[in-house]
PDB file of N, CA and C in Angstrom:
ATOM      1  N   MET A   1       0.808  -1.186   0.000  1.00  0.00           N
ATOM      2  CA  MET A   1       0.000   0.000   0.000  1.00  0.00           C
ATOM      3  C   MET A   1       0.855   1.255   0.000  1.00  0.00           C
ATOM      4  N   SER A   2       1.967   1.246   0.691  1.00  0.00           N
ATOM      5  CA  SER A   2       2.783   2.447   0.717  1.00  0.00           C
ATOM      6  C   SER A   2       4.019   2.265  -0.139  1.00  0.00           C
ATOM      7  N   THR A   3       4.493   3.387  -0.672  1.00  0.00           N
ATOM      8  CA  THR A   3       5.685   3.323  -1.485  1.00  0.00           C
ATOM      9  C   THR A   3       6.893   3.838  -0.732  1.00  0.00           C
ATOM     10  N   GLU A   4       6.662   4.628   0.319  1.00  0.00           N
ATOM     11  CA  GLU A   4       7.771   5.158   1.094  1.00  0.00           C
ATOM     12  C   GLU A   4       7.290   5.422   2.510  1.00  0.00           C
ATOM     13  N   THR A   5       8.062   5.000   3.474  1.00  0.00           N
ATOM     14  CA  THR A   5       7.737   5.252   4.877  1.00  0.00           C
ATOM     15  C   THR A   5       8.994   5.708   5.583  1.00  0.00           C
ATOM     16  N   SER A   6       8.860   6.726   6.417  1.00  0.00           N
ATOM     17  CA  SER A   6       9.992   7.150   7.229  1.00  0.00           C
ATOM     18  C   SER A   6       9.482   7.588   8.585  1.00  0.00           C
ATOM     19  N   THR A   7      10.328   7.467   9.574  1.00  0.00           N
ATOM     20  CA  THR A   7      10.011   7.934  10.916  1.00  0.00           C
ATOM     21  C   THR A   7      11.006   9.014  11.268  1.00  0.00           C
ATOM     22  N   ASN A   8      10.487  10.104  11.828  1.00  0.00           N
ATOM     23  CA  ASN A   8      11.326  11.235  12.162  1.00  0.00           C
ATOM     24  C   ASN A   8      11.105  11.622  13.611  1.00  0.00           C
ATOM     25  N   ASP A   9      12.179  11.626  14.388  1.00  0.00           N
ATOM     26  CA  ASP A   9      12.104  12.143  15.746  1.00  0.00           C
ATOM     27  C   ASP A   9      12.409  13.637  15.654  1.00  0.00           C
ATOM     28  N   ASP A  10      11.390  14.461  15.843  1.00  0.00           N
ATOM     29  CA  ASP A  10      11.523  15.907  15.735  1.00  0.00           C
ATOM     30  C   ASP A  10      12.209  16.428  16.996  1.00  0.00           C
ATOM     31  N   VAL A  11      13.457  16.827  16.860  1.00  0.00           N
ATOM     32  CA  VAL A  11      14.247  17.268  18.003  1.00  0.00           C
ATOM     33  C   VAL A  11      13.632  18.504  18.646  1.00  0.00           C
ATOM     34  N   GLN A  12      13.090  19.418  17.847  1.00  0.00           N
ATOM     35  CA  GLN A  12      12.533  20.653  18.386  1.00  0.00           C
ATOM     36  C   GLN A  12      11.291  20.403  19.219  1.00  0.00           C
ATOM     37  N   SER A  13      10.403  19.521  18.784  1.00  0.00           N
ATOM     38  CA  SER A  13       9.147  19.312  19.498  1.00  0.00           C
ATOM     39  C   SER A  13       9.152  18.055  20.354  1.00  0.00           C
ATOM     40  N   GLY A  14      10.115  17.168  20.134  1.00  0.00           N
ATOM     41  CA  GLY A  14      10.149  15.917  20.870  1.00  0.00           C
ATOM     42  C   GLY A  14       9.141  14.899  20.357  1.00  0.00           C
ATOM     43  N   ARG A  15       8.545  15.158  19.195  1.00  0.00           N
ATOM     44  CA  ARG A  15       7.533  14.272  18.628  1.00  0.00           C
ATOM     45  C   ARG A  15       8.166  13.253  17.694  1.00  0.00           C
ATOM     46  N   THR A  16       7.587  12.049  17.685  1.00  0.00           N
ATOM     47  CA  THR A  16       7.949  11.042  16.695  1.00  0.00           C
ATOM     48  C   THR A  16       6.802  10.944  15.716  1.00  0.00           C
ATOM     49  N   ILE A  17       7.105  11.170  14.442  1.00  0.00           N
ATOM     50  CA  ILE A  17       6.097  11.203  13.388  1.00  0.00           C
ATOM     51  C   ILE A  17       6.459  10.177  12.328  1.00  0.00           C
ATOM     52  N   THR A  18       5.475   9.363  11.946  1.00  0.00           N
ATOM     53  CA  THR A  18       5.661   8.421  10.849  1.00  0.00           C
ATOM     54  C   THR A  18       4.994   9.018   9.614  1.00  0.00           C
ATOM     55  N   LEU A  19       5.746   9.109   8.534  1.00  0.00           N
ATOM     56  CA  LEU A  19       5.265   9.689   7.287  1.00  0.00           C
ATOM     57  C   LEU A  19       5.287   8.610   6.216  1.00  0.00           C
ATOM     58  N   THR A  20       4.121   8.344   5.604  1.00  0.00           N
ATOM     59  CA  THR A  20       3.990   7.276   4.622  1.00  0.00           C
ATOM     60  C   THR A  20       3.390   7.837   3.342  1.00  0.00           C
ATOM     61  N   GLN A  21       3.967   7.460   2.205  1.00  0.00           N
ATOM     62  CA  GLN A  21       3.377   7.835   0.926  1.00  0.00           C
ATOM     63  C   GLN A  21       2.622   6.636   0.371  1.00  0.00           C
ATOM     64  N   ALA A  22       1.352   6.841   0.091  1.00  0.00           N
ATOM     65  CA  ALA A  22       0.506   5.772  -0.446  1.00  0.00           C
ATOM     66  C   ALA A  22       0.746   5.611  -1.942  1.00  0.00           C
ATOM     67  N   ASP A  23       0.242   4.521  -2.487  1.00  0.00           N
ATOM     68  CA  ASP A  23       0.401   4.237  -3.917  1.00  0.00           C
ATOM     69  C   ASP A  23      -0.204   5.319  -4.804  1.00  0.00           C
ATOM     70  N   ASP A  24      -1.222   6.008  -4.289  1.00  0.00           N
ATOM     71  CA  ASP A  24      -1.863   7.058  -5.094  1.00  0.00           C
ATOM     72  C   ASP A  24      -1.128   8.392  -5.023  1.00  0.00           C
ATOM     73  N   GLY A  25       0.006   8.424  -4.289  1.00  0.00           N
ATOM     74  CA  GLY A  25       0.817   9.639  -4.215  1.00  0.00           C
ATOM     75  C   GLY A  25       0.530  10.506  -3.005  1.00  0.00           C
ATOM     76  N   TRP A  26      -0.581  10.285  -2.335  1.00  0.00           N
ATOM     77  CA  TRP A  26      -0.914  11.064  -1.142  1.00  0.00           C
ATOM     78  C   TRP A  26      -0.024  10.631   0.015  1.00  0.00           C
ATOM     79  N   TRP A  27       0.164  11.541   0.964  1.00  0.00           N
ATOM     80  CA  TRP A  27       0.977  11.280   2.141  1.00  0.00           C
ATOM     81  C   TRP A  27       0.098  11.155   3.374  1.00  0.00           C
ATOM     82  N   VAL A  28       0.505  10.303   4.312  1.00  0.00           N
ATOM     83  CA  VAL A  28      -0.167  10.143   5.596  1.00  0.00           C
ATOM     84  C   VAL A  28       0.885  10.323   6.678  1.00  0.00           C
ATOM     85  N   ALA A  29       0.587  11.182   7.657  1.00  0.00           N
ATOM     86  CA  ALA A  29       1.492  11.400   8.779  1.00  0.00           C
ATOM     87  C   ALA A  29       0.775  10.976  10.054  1.00  0.00           C
ATOM     88  N   ARG A  30       1.516  10.324  10.953  1.00  0.00           N
ATOM     89  CA  ARG A  30       0.947   9.868  12.224  1.00  0.00           C
ATOM     90  C   ARG A  30       1.855  10.297  13.357  1.00  0.00           C
ATOM     91  N   ASP A  31       1.275  10.991  14.324  1.00  0.00           N
ATOM     92  CA  ASP A  31       1.984  11.355  15.540  1.00  0.00           C
ATOM     93  C   ASP A  31       1.939  10.142  16.464  1.00  0.00           C
ATOM     94  N   GLU A  32       3.078   9.558  16.745  1.00  0.00           N
ATOM     95  CA  GLU A  32       3.122   8.295  17.485  1.00  0.00           C
ATOM     96  C   GLU A  32       2.646   8.440  18.931  1.00  0.00           C
ATOM     97  N   ALA A  33       2.888   9.581  19.551  1.00  0.00           N
ATOM     98  CA  ALA A  33       2.509   9.759  20.961  1.00  0.00           C
ATOM     99  C   ALA A  33       1.001   9.822  21.148  1.00  0.00           C
ATOM    100  N   THR A  34       0.305  10.490  20.226  1.00  0.00           N
ATOM    101  CA  THR A  34      -1.142  10.675  20.375  1.00  0.00           C
ATOM    102  C   THR A  34      -1.952   9.691  19.545  1.00  0.00           C
ATOM    103  N   GLY A  35      -1.334   9.126  18.497  1.00  0.00           N
ATOM    104  CA  GLY A  35      -2.068   8.261  17.586  1.00  0.00           C
ATOM    105  C   GLY A  35      -2.861   9.033  16.547  1.00  0.00           C
ATOM    106  N   VAL A  36      -2.751  10.353  16.562  1.00  0.00           N
ATOM    107  CA  VAL A  36      -3.470  11.199  15.605  1.00  0.00           C
ATOM    108  C   VAL A  36      -2.789  11.096  14.247  1.00  0.00           C
ATOM    109  N   ALA A  37      -3.609  11.010  13.190  1.00  0.00           N
ATOM    110  CA  ALA A  37      -3.080  10.934  11.834  1.00  0.00           C
ATOM    111  C   ALA A  37      -3.774  11.954  10.947  1.00  0.00           C
ATOM    112  N   SER A  38      -3.106  12.317   9.877  1.00  0.00           N
ATOM    113  CA  SER A  38      -3.682  13.226   8.894  1.00  0.00           C
ATOM    114  C   SER A  38      -3.067  12.906   7.542  1.00  0.00           C
ATOM    115  N   GLN A  39      -3.582  13.535   6.501  1.00  0.00           N
ATOM    116  CA  GLN A  39      -3.090  13.263   5.153  1.00  0.00           C
ATOM    117  C   GLN A  39      -3.003  14.545   4.344  1.00  0.00           C
ATOM    118  N   GLY A  40      -2.367  14.460   3.200  1.00  0.00           N
ATOM    119  CA  GLY A  40      -2.252  15.600   2.296  1.00  0.00           C
ATOM    120  C   GLY A  40      -1.614  15.173   0.993  1.00  0.00           C
ATOM    121  N   GLU A  41      -1.669  16.070   0.023  1.00  0.00           N
ATOM    122  CA  GLU A  41      -1.103  15.774  -1.293  1.00  0.00           C
ATOM    123  C   GLU A  41       0.421  15.888  -1.308  1.00  0.00           C
ATOM    124  N   THR A  42       0.964  16.723  -0.415  1.00  0.00           N
ATOM    125  CA  THR A  42       2.415  16.874  -0.315  1.00  0.00           C
ATOM    126  C   THR A  42       2.842  16.589   1.117  1.00  0.00           C
ATOM    127  N   ARG A  43       4.133  16.348   1.286  1.00  0.00           N
ATOM    128  CA  ARG A  43       4.653  16.117   2.638  1.00  0.00           C
ATOM    129  C   ARG A  43       4.398  17.339   3.515  1.00  0.00           C
ATOM    130  N   GLN A  44       4.662  18.510   2.956  1.00  0.00           N
ATOM    131  CA  GLN A  44       4.496  19.751   3.724  1.00  0.00           C
ATOM    132  C   GLN A  44       3.034  19.938   4.143  1.00  0.00           C
ATOM    133  N   ASP A  45       2.098  19.750   3.225  1.00  0.00           N
ATOM    134  CA  ASP A  45       0.673  19.869   3.553  1.00  0.00           C
ATOM    135  C   ASP A  45       0.274  18.858   4.623  1.00  0.00           C
ATOM    136  N   THR A  46       0.776  17.644   4.476  1.00  0.00           N
ATOM    137  CA  THR A  46       0.441  16.571   5.411  1.00  0.00           C
ATOM    138  C   THR A  46       0.918  16.906   6.819  1.00  0.00           C
ATOM    139  N   LEU A  47       2.150  17.379   6.936  1.00  0.00           N
ATOM    140  CA  LEU A  47       2.677  17.723   8.254  1.00  0.00           C
ATOM    141  C   LEU A  47       1.941  18.920   8.851  1.00  0.00           C
ATOM    142  N   GLY A  48       1.566  19.885   8.024  1.00  0.00           N
ATOM    143  CA  GLY A  48       0.766  21.016   8.509  1.00  0.00           C
ATOM    144  C   GLY A  48      -0.595  20.559   9.000  1.00  0.00           C
ATOM    145  N   ASN A  49      -1.220  19.648   8.241  1.00  0.00           N
ATOM    146  CA  ASN A  49      -2.515  19.103   8.647  1.00  0.00           C
ATOM    147  C   ASN A  49      -2.387  18.321   9.953  1.00  0.00           C
ATOM    148  N   LEU A  50      -1.274  17.593  10.099  1.00  0.00           N
ATOM    149  CA  LEU A  50      -1.051  16.830  11.323  1.00  0.00           C
ATOM    150  C   LEU A  50      -0.887  17.770  12.514  1.00  0.00           C
ATOM    151  N   ASP A  51      -0.140  18.846  12.340  1.00  0.00           N
ATOM    152  CA  ASP A  51       0.018  19.819  13.428  1.00  0.00           C
ATOM    153  C   ASP A  51      -1.338  20.343  13.895  1.00  0.00           C
ATOM    154  N   GLU A  52      -2.196  20.669  12.937  1.00  0.00           N
ATOM    155  CA  GLU A  52      -3.532  21.173  13.277  1.00  0.00           C
ATOM    156  C   GLU A  52      -4.359  20.097  13.986  1.00  0.00           C
ATOM    157  N   ALA A  53      -4.296  18.869  13.485  1.00  0.00           N
ATOM    158  CA  ALA A  53      -5.071  17.784  14.080  1.00  0.00           C
ATOM    159  C   ALA A  53      -4.614  17.477  15.508  1.00  0.00           C
ATOM    160  N   VAL A  54      -3.307  17.499  15.737  1.00  0.00           N
ATOM    161  CA  VAL A  54      -2.783  17.244  17.084  1.00  0.00           C
ATOM    162  C   VAL A  54      -3.196  18.371  18.024  1.00  0.00           C
ATOM    163  N   ALA A  55      -3.132  19.612  17.556  1.00  0.00           N
ATOM    164  CA  ALA A  55      -3.550  20.745  18.387  1.00  0.00           C
ATOM    165  C   ALA A  55      -5.028  20.629  18.757  1.00  0.00           C
ATOM    166  N   LEU A  56      -5.862  20.226  17.809  1.00  0.00           N
ATOM    167  CA  LEU A  56      -7.276  20.017  18.107  1.00  0.00           C
ATOM    168  C   LEU A  56      -7.450  18.875  19.098  1.00  0.00           C
ATOM    169  N   HIS A  57      -6.703  17.803  18.901  1.00  0.00           N
ATOM    170  CA  HIS A  57      -6.768  16.651  19.799  1.00  0.00           C
ATOM    171  C   HIS A  57      -6.397  17.043  21.237  1.00  0.00           C
ATOM    172  N   LYS A  58      -5.403  17.902  21.361  1.00  0.00           N
ATOM    173  CA  LYS A  58      -4.946  18.339  22.679  1.00  0.00           C
ATOM    174  C   LYS A  58      -5.751  19.529  23.205  1.00  0.00           C
ATOM    175  N   ARG A  59      -6.743  19.943  22.422  1.00  0.00           N
ATOM    176  CA  ARG A  59      -7.604  21.083  22.778  1.00  0.00           C
ATOM    177  C   ARG A  59      -6.804  22.371  22.940  1.00  0.00           C
ATOM    178  N   GLU A  60      -5.774  22.520  22.132  1.00  0.00           N
ATOM    179  CA  GLU A  60      -4.951  23.723  22.147  1.00  0.00           C
ATOM    180  C   GLU A  60      -5.475  24.773  21.171  1.00  0.00           C
ATOM    181  N   THR A  61      -6.432  24.387  20.357  1.00  0.00           N
ATOM    182  CA  THR A  61      -7.013  25.297  19.375  1.00  0.00           C
ATOM    183  C   THR A  61      -8.439  24.857  19.116  1.00  0.00           C
ATOM    184  N   GLY A  62      -9.183  25.693  18.421  1.00  0.00           N
ATOM    185  CA  GLY A  62     -10.562  25.352  18.086  1.00  0.00           C
ATOM    186  C   GLY A  62     -11.545  26.042  19.010  1.00  0.00           C
ATOM    187  N   ASP A  63     -12.768  26.103  18.560  1.00  0.00           N
ATOM    188  CA  ASP A  63     -13.822  26.744  19.326  1.00  0.00           C
ATOM    189  C   ASP A  63     -14.501  25.734  20.231  1.00  0.00           C
ATOM    190  N   SER A  64     -14.761  26.153  21.452  1.00  0.00           N
ATOM    191  CA  SER A  64     -15.458  25.306  22.401  1.00  0.00           C
ATOM    192  C   SER A  64     -16.958  25.354  22.125  1.00  0.00           C
ATOM    193  N   VAL A  65     -17.604  24.213  22.196  1.00  0.00           N
ATOM    194  CA  VAL A  65     -19.052  24.118  22.037  1.00  0.00           C
ATOM    195  C   VAL A  65     -19.582  23.742  23.419  1.00  0.00           C
ATOM    196  N   ASP A  66     -20.247  24.710  24.067  1.00  0.00           N
ATOM    197  CA  ASP A  66     -20.534  24.559  25.486  1.00  0.00           C
ATOM    198  C   ASP A  66     -21.956  24.162  25.836  1.00  0.00           C
ATOM    199  N   ASN A  67     -22.906  24.337  24.938  1.00  0.00           N
ATOM    200  CA  ASN A  67     -24.284  23.988  25.295  1.00  0.00           C
ATOM    201  C   ASN A  67     -24.946  23.226  24.152  1.00  0.00           C
ATOM    202  N   TRP A  68     -26.089  22.637  24.460  1.00  0.00           N
ATOM    203  CA  TRP A  68     -26.766  21.772  23.494  1.00  0.00           C
ATOM    204  C   TRP A  68     -27.170  22.526  22.233  1.00  0.00           C
ATOM    205  N   GLU A  69     -27.596  23.773  22.359  1.00  0.00           N
ATOM    206  CA  GLU A  69     -27.988  24.536  21.168  1.00  0.00           C
ATOM    207  C   GLU A  69     -26.803  24.721  20.222  1.00  0.00           C
ATOM    208  N   GLU A  70     -25.628  25.028  20.767  1.00  0.00           N
ATOM    209  CA  GLU A  70     -24.431  25.160  19.933  1.00  0.00           C
ATOM    210  C   GLU A  70     -24.054  23.816  19.314  1.00  0.00           C
ATOM    211  N   LYS A  71     -24.174  22.746  20.103  1.00  0.00           N
ATOM    212  CA  LYS A  71     -23.858  21.412  19.596  1.00  0.00           C
ATOM    213  C   LYS A  71     -24.792  21.043  18.444  1.00  0.00           C
ATOM    214  N   LYS A  72     -26.090  21.342  18.587  1.00  0.00           N
ATOM    215  CA  LYS A  72     -27.047  21.045  17.522  1.00  0.00           C
ATOM    216  C   LYS A  72     -26.687  21.795  16.246  1.00  0.00           C
ATOM    217  N   GLU A  73     -26.292  23.054  16.388  1.00  0.00           N
ATOM    218  CA  GLU A  73     -25.923  23.860  15.226  1.00  0.00           C
ATOM    219  C   GLU A  73     -24.714  23.262  14.506  1.00  0.00           C
ATOM    220  N   VAL A  74     -23.708  22.858  15.273  1.00  0.00           N
ATOM    221  CA  VAL A  74     -22.507  22.261  14.683  1.00  0.00           C
ATOM    222  C   VAL A  74     -22.851  20.939  14.012  1.00  0.00           C
ATOM    223  N   LEU A  75     -23.645  20.107  14.678  1.00  0.00           N
ATOM    224  CA  LEU A  75     -24.040  18.828  14.088  1.00  0.00           C
ATOM    225  C   LEU A  75     -24.793  19.034  12.781  1.00  0.00           C
ATOM    226  N   ASP A  76     -25.719  20.001  12.764  1.00  0.00           N
ATOM    227  CA  ASP A  76     -26.461  20.312  11.536  1.00  0.00           C
ATOM    228  C   ASP A  76     -25.513  20.718  10.411  1.00  0.00           C
ATOM    229  N   GLU A  77     -24.515  21.556  10.739  1.00  0.00           N
ATOM    230  CA  GLU A  77     -23.550  22.001   9.734  1.00  0.00           C
ATOM    231  C   GLU A  77     -22.751  20.827   9.163  1.00  0.00           C
ATOM    232  N   LEU A  78     -22.544  19.810   9.994  1.00  0.00           N
ATOM    233  CA  LEU A  78     -21.795  18.631   9.557  1.00  0.00           C
ATOM    234  C   LEU A  78     -22.682  17.594   8.871  1.00  0.00           C
ATOM    235  N   GLY A  79     -23.989  17.869   8.810  1.00  0.00           N
ATOM    236  CA  GLY A  79     -24.908  16.929   8.177  1.00  0.00           C
ATOM    237  C   GLY A  79     -25.268  15.756   9.071  1.00  0.00           C
ATOM    238  N   ILE A  80     -25.149  15.953  10.378  1.00  0.00           N
ATOM    239  CA  ILE A  80     -25.468  14.906  11.355  1.00  0.00           C
ATOM    240  C   ILE A  80     -26.768  15.281  12.053  1.00  0.00           C
ATOM    241  N   ASP A  81     -27.678  14.326  12.153  1.00  0.00           N
ATOM    242  CA  ASP A  81     -28.976  14.576  12.786  1.00  0.00           C
ATOM    243  C   ASP A  81     -28.802  14.661  14.305  1.00  0.00           C
ATOM    244  N   PRO A  82     -29.019  15.844  14.900  1.00  0.00           N
ATOM    245  CA  PRO A  82     -28.871  15.998  16.353  1.00  0.00           C
ATOM    246  C   PRO A  82     -29.786  15.079  17.151  1.00  0.00           C
ATOM    247  N   ASP A  83     -30.981  14.780  16.614  1.00  0.00           N
ATOM    248  CA  ASP A  83     -31.902  13.885  17.319  1.00  0.00           C
ATOM    249  C   ASP A  83     -31.327  12.474  17.427  1.00  0.00           C
ATOM    250  N   GLU A  84     -30.628  12.022  16.375  1.00  0.00           N
ATOM    251  CA  GLU A  84     -29.994  10.702  16.421  1.00  0.00           C
ATOM    252  C   GLU A  84     -28.874  10.678  17.460  1.00  0.00           C
ATOM    253  N   VAL A  85     -28.127  11.787  17.544  1.00  0.00           N
ATOM    254  CA  VAL A  85     -27.051  11.875  18.535  1.00  0.00           C
ATOM    255  C   VAL A  85     -27.644  11.816  19.940  1.00  0.00           C
ATOM    256  N   GLN A  86     -28.717  12.574  20.164  1.00  0.00           N
ATOM    257  CA  GLN A  86     -29.345  12.578  21.483  1.00  0.00           C
ATOM    258  C   GLN A  86     -29.897  11.197  21.831  1.00  0.00           C
ATOM    259  N   GLN A  87     -30.498  10.547  20.856  1.00  0.00           N
ATOM    260  CA  GLN A  87     -31.034   9.202  21.082  1.00  0.00           C
ATOM    261  C   GLN A  87     -29.904   8.225  21.436  1.00  0.00           C
ATOM    262  N   ALA A  88     -28.795   8.317  20.711  1.00  0.00           N
ATOM    263  CA  ALA A  88     -27.657   7.443  20.996  1.00  0.00           C
ATOM    264  C   ALA A  88     -27.099   7.711  22.388  1.00  0.00           C
ATOM    265  N   ARG A  89     -27.050   8.985  22.782  1.00  0.00           N
ATOM    266  CA  ARG A  89     -26.590   9.323  24.136  1.00  0.00           C
ATOM    267  C   ARG A  89     -27.498   8.691  25.178  1.00  0.00           C
ATOM    268  N   ASP A  90     -28.796   8.811  24.957  1.00  0.00           N
ATOM    269  CA  ASP A  90     -29.762   8.260  25.910  1.00  0.00           C
ATOM    270  C   ASP A  90     -29.645   6.740  26.003  1.00  0.00           C
ATOM    271  N   GLU A  91     -29.448   6.096  24.863  1.00  0.00           N
ATOM    272  CA  GLU A  91     -29.370   4.637  24.830  1.00  0.00           C
ATOM    273  C   GLU A  91     -28.056   4.098  25.384  1.00  0.00           C
ATOM    274  N   HIS A  92     -26.999   4.892  25.287  1.00  0.00           N
ATOM    275  CA  HIS A  92     -25.666   4.386  25.657  1.00  0.00           C
ATOM    276  C   HIS A  92     -25.039   5.179  26.804  1.00  0.00           C
ATOM    277  N   ASP A  93     -25.884   5.861  27.580  1.00  0.00           N
ATOM    278  CA  ASP A  93     -25.422   6.569  28.764  1.00  0.00           C
ATOM    279  C   ASP A  93     -24.290   7.539  28.445  1.00  0.00           C
ATOM    280  N   GLY A  94     -24.527   8.448  27.505  1.00  0.00           N
ATOM    281  CA  GLY A  94     -23.529   9.459  27.162  1.00  0.00           C
ATOM    282  C   GLY A  94     -22.701   9.076  25.962  1.00  0.00           C
ATOM    283  N   LEU A  95     -21.649   9.827  25.743  1.00  0.00           N
ATOM    284  CA  LEU A  95     -20.727   9.608  24.621  1.00  0.00           C
ATOM    285  C   LEU A  95     -19.337   9.279  25.144  1.00  0.00           C
ATOM    286  N   PRO A  96     -18.536   8.607  24.341  1.00  0.00           N
ATOM    287  CA  PRO A  96     -17.133   8.383  24.739  1.00  0.00           C
ATOM    288  C   PRO A  96     -16.427   9.725  24.958  1.00  0.00           C
ATOM    289  N   ASP A  97     -15.412   9.729  25.786  1.00  0.00           N
ATOM    290  CA  ASP A  97     -14.694  10.960  26.117  1.00  0.00           C
ATOM    291  C   ASP A  97     -14.196  11.706  24.888  1.00  0.00           C
ATOM    292  N   PHE A  98     -13.703  10.974  23.874  1.00  0.00           N
ATOM    293  CA  PHE A  98     -13.118  11.655  22.717  1.00  0.00           C
ATOM    294  C   PHE A  98     -14.152  12.387  21.878  1.00  0.00           C
ATOM    295  N   ILE A  99     -15.434  12.097  22.051  1.00  0.00           N
ATOM    296  CA  ILE A  99     -16.479  12.783  21.287  1.00  0.00           C
ATOM    297  C   ILE A  99     -17.053  13.958  22.066  1.00  0.00           C
ATOM    298  N   GLN A 100     -16.942  13.931  23.359  1.00  0.00           N
ATOM    299  CA  GLN A 100     -17.539  14.992  24.177  1.00  0.00           C
ATOM    300  C   GLN A 100     -16.816  16.308  24.011  1.00  0.00           C
TER     301      GLN A 100
END
């Protein structure tokens, strides 16, 4: 599946990142510490996307959604039915931590 894989220990950030080029030419980067991955058409785009994804994962960036009305608005924008989300929460006693 991949044509090139390399692992880089980033001395400046202390991060270990695995960078893989798929057969279709796209790149996938994975931050080994967090397990977060991202992709892009170029290595540079991929690493930039990974930085953003890790920051979101660590809650270092992004807008906080604090109440149900805001959550419904965001879900609607993403094309997700808020009623289905609420039903799933009710049936499964909340959501996993990574979704909250």
